[in-house]
């Protein structure tokens, strides 16, 4: 049971996964792309932690 909110958050990982696959295929990444990826991941983690805190 993922729920609607977590399902939407999970869909934000699709571009991150594509980014990782592209890196594994030999693409040379830039610092802007790394910052964007880290920003996306940190926003997802922060939102998940906030929702867990709010439910308690």
C-alpha atoms as a PDB file:
ATOM      1  CA  UNK A   1       0.000   0.000   0.000  1.00  0.00           C
ATOM      2  CA  UNK A   2       2.025   2.929  -1.269  1.00  0.00           C
ATOM      3  CA  UNK A   3      -0.693   5.567  -1.289  1.00  0.00           C
ATOM      4  CA  UNK A   4      -1.231   8.429  -3.702  1.00  0.00           C
ATOM      5  CA  UNK A   5       1.276  10.849  -2.188  1.00  0.00           C
ATOM      6  CA  UNK A   6       4.108   8.331  -2.005  1.00  0.00           C
ATOM      7  CA  UNK A   7       3.247   7.122  -5.512  1.00  0.00           C
ATOM      8  CA  UNK A   8       3.688  10.630  -6.879  1.00  0.00           C
ATOM      9  CA  UNK A   9       6.947  11.044  -4.981  1.00  0.00           C
ATOM     10  CA  UNK A  10       8.153   7.701  -6.317  1.00  0.00           C
ATOM     11  CA  UNK A  11       7.502   8.887  -9.894  1.00  0.00           C
ATOM     12  CA  UNK A  12      10.039  11.668  -9.312  1.00  0.00           C
ATOM     13  CA  UNK A  13      12.732   8.988  -9.075  1.00  0.00           C
ATOM     14  CA  UNK A  14      12.206   7.960 -12.712  1.00  0.00           C
ATOM     15  CA  UNK A  15      14.417  10.783 -14.096  1.00  0.00           C
ATOM     16  CA  UNK A  16      17.048  10.049 -11.443  1.00  0.00           C
ATOM     17  CA  UNK A  17      17.106   6.399 -12.504  1.00  0.00           C
ATOM     18  CA  UNK A  18      17.440   7.402 -16.160  1.00  0.00           C
ATOM     19  CA  UNK A  19      20.301   9.719 -15.153  1.00  0.00           C
ATOM     20  CA  UNK A  20      22.126   6.882 -13.388  1.00  0.00           C
ATOM     21  CA  UNK A  21      21.691   4.581 -16.383  1.00  0.00           C
ATOM     22  CA  UNK A  22      23.035   7.297 -18.674  1.00  0.00           C
ATOM     23  CA  UNK A  23      26.098   7.697 -16.433  1.00  0.00           C
ATOM     24  CA  UNK A  24      26.696   3.938 -16.514  1.00  0.00           C
ATOM     25  CA  UNK A  25      26.636   4.076 -20.318  1.00  0.00           C
ATOM     26  CA  UNK A  26      29.539   6.536 -20.311  1.00  0.00           C
ATOM     27  CA  UNK A  27      27.965   9.987 -20.291  1.00  0.00           C
ATOM     28  CA  UNK A  28      30.181  12.682 -18.763  1.00  0.00           C
ATOM     29  CA  UNK A  29      28.079  14.503 -16.184  1.00  0.00           C
ATOM     30  CA  UNK A  30      28.352  18.136 -15.180  1.00  0.00           C
ATOM     31  CA  UNK A  31      28.216  19.602 -11.704  1.00  0.00           C
ATOM     32  CA  UNK A  32      24.810  21.147 -12.483  1.00  0.00           C
ATOM     33  CA  UNK A  33      23.367  17.719 -13.211  1.00  0.00           C
ATOM     34  CA  UNK A  34      24.767  16.286  -9.976  1.00  0.00           C
ATOM     35  CA  UNK A  35      23.317  19.194  -7.982  1.00  0.00           C
ATOM     36  CA  UNK A  36      19.926  18.694  -9.639  1.00  0.00           C
ATOM     37  CA  UNK A  37      19.972  14.986  -8.880  1.00  0.00           C
ATOM     38  CA  UNK A  38      20.949  15.555  -5.257  1.00  0.00           C
ATOM     39  CA  UNK A  39      18.311  18.257  -4.904  1.00  0.00           C
ATOM     40  CA  UNK A  40      15.618  15.901  -6.186  1.00  0.00           C
ATOM     41  CA  UNK A  41      16.673  13.069  -3.894  1.00  0.00           C
ATOM     42  CA  UNK A  42      16.951  15.324  -0.840  1.00  0.00           C
ATOM     43  CA  UNK A  43      13.501  16.828  -1.515  1.00  0.00           C
ATOM     44  CA  UNK A  44      11.975  13.349  -1.727  1.00  0.00           C
ATOM     45  CA  UNK A  45      13.634  12.222   1.501  1.00  0.00           C
ATOM     46  CA  UNK A  46      12.689  15.434   3.317  1.00  0.00           C
ATOM     47  CA  UNK A  47       9.072  15.155   2.196  1.00  0.00           C
ATOM     48  CA  UNK A  48       8.874  11.540   3.287  1.00  0.00           C
ATOM     49  CA  UNK A  49      10.351  12.328   6.712  1.00  0.00           C
ATOM     50  CA  UNK A  50       7.995  15.277   7.140  1.00  0.00           C
ATOM     51  CA  UNK A  51       4.952  13.157   6.306  1.00  0.00           C
ATOM     52  CA  UNK A  52       6.025  10.470   8.789  1.00  0.00           C
ATOM     53  CA  UNK A  53       6.554  13.116  11.484  1.00  0.00           C
ATOM     54  CA  UNK A  54       3.173  14.679  10.760  1.00  0.00           C
ATOM     55  CA  UNK A  55       1.364  11.338  11.054  1.00  0.00           C
ATOM     56  CA  UNK A  56       2.770  10.648  14.524  1.00  0.00           C
END
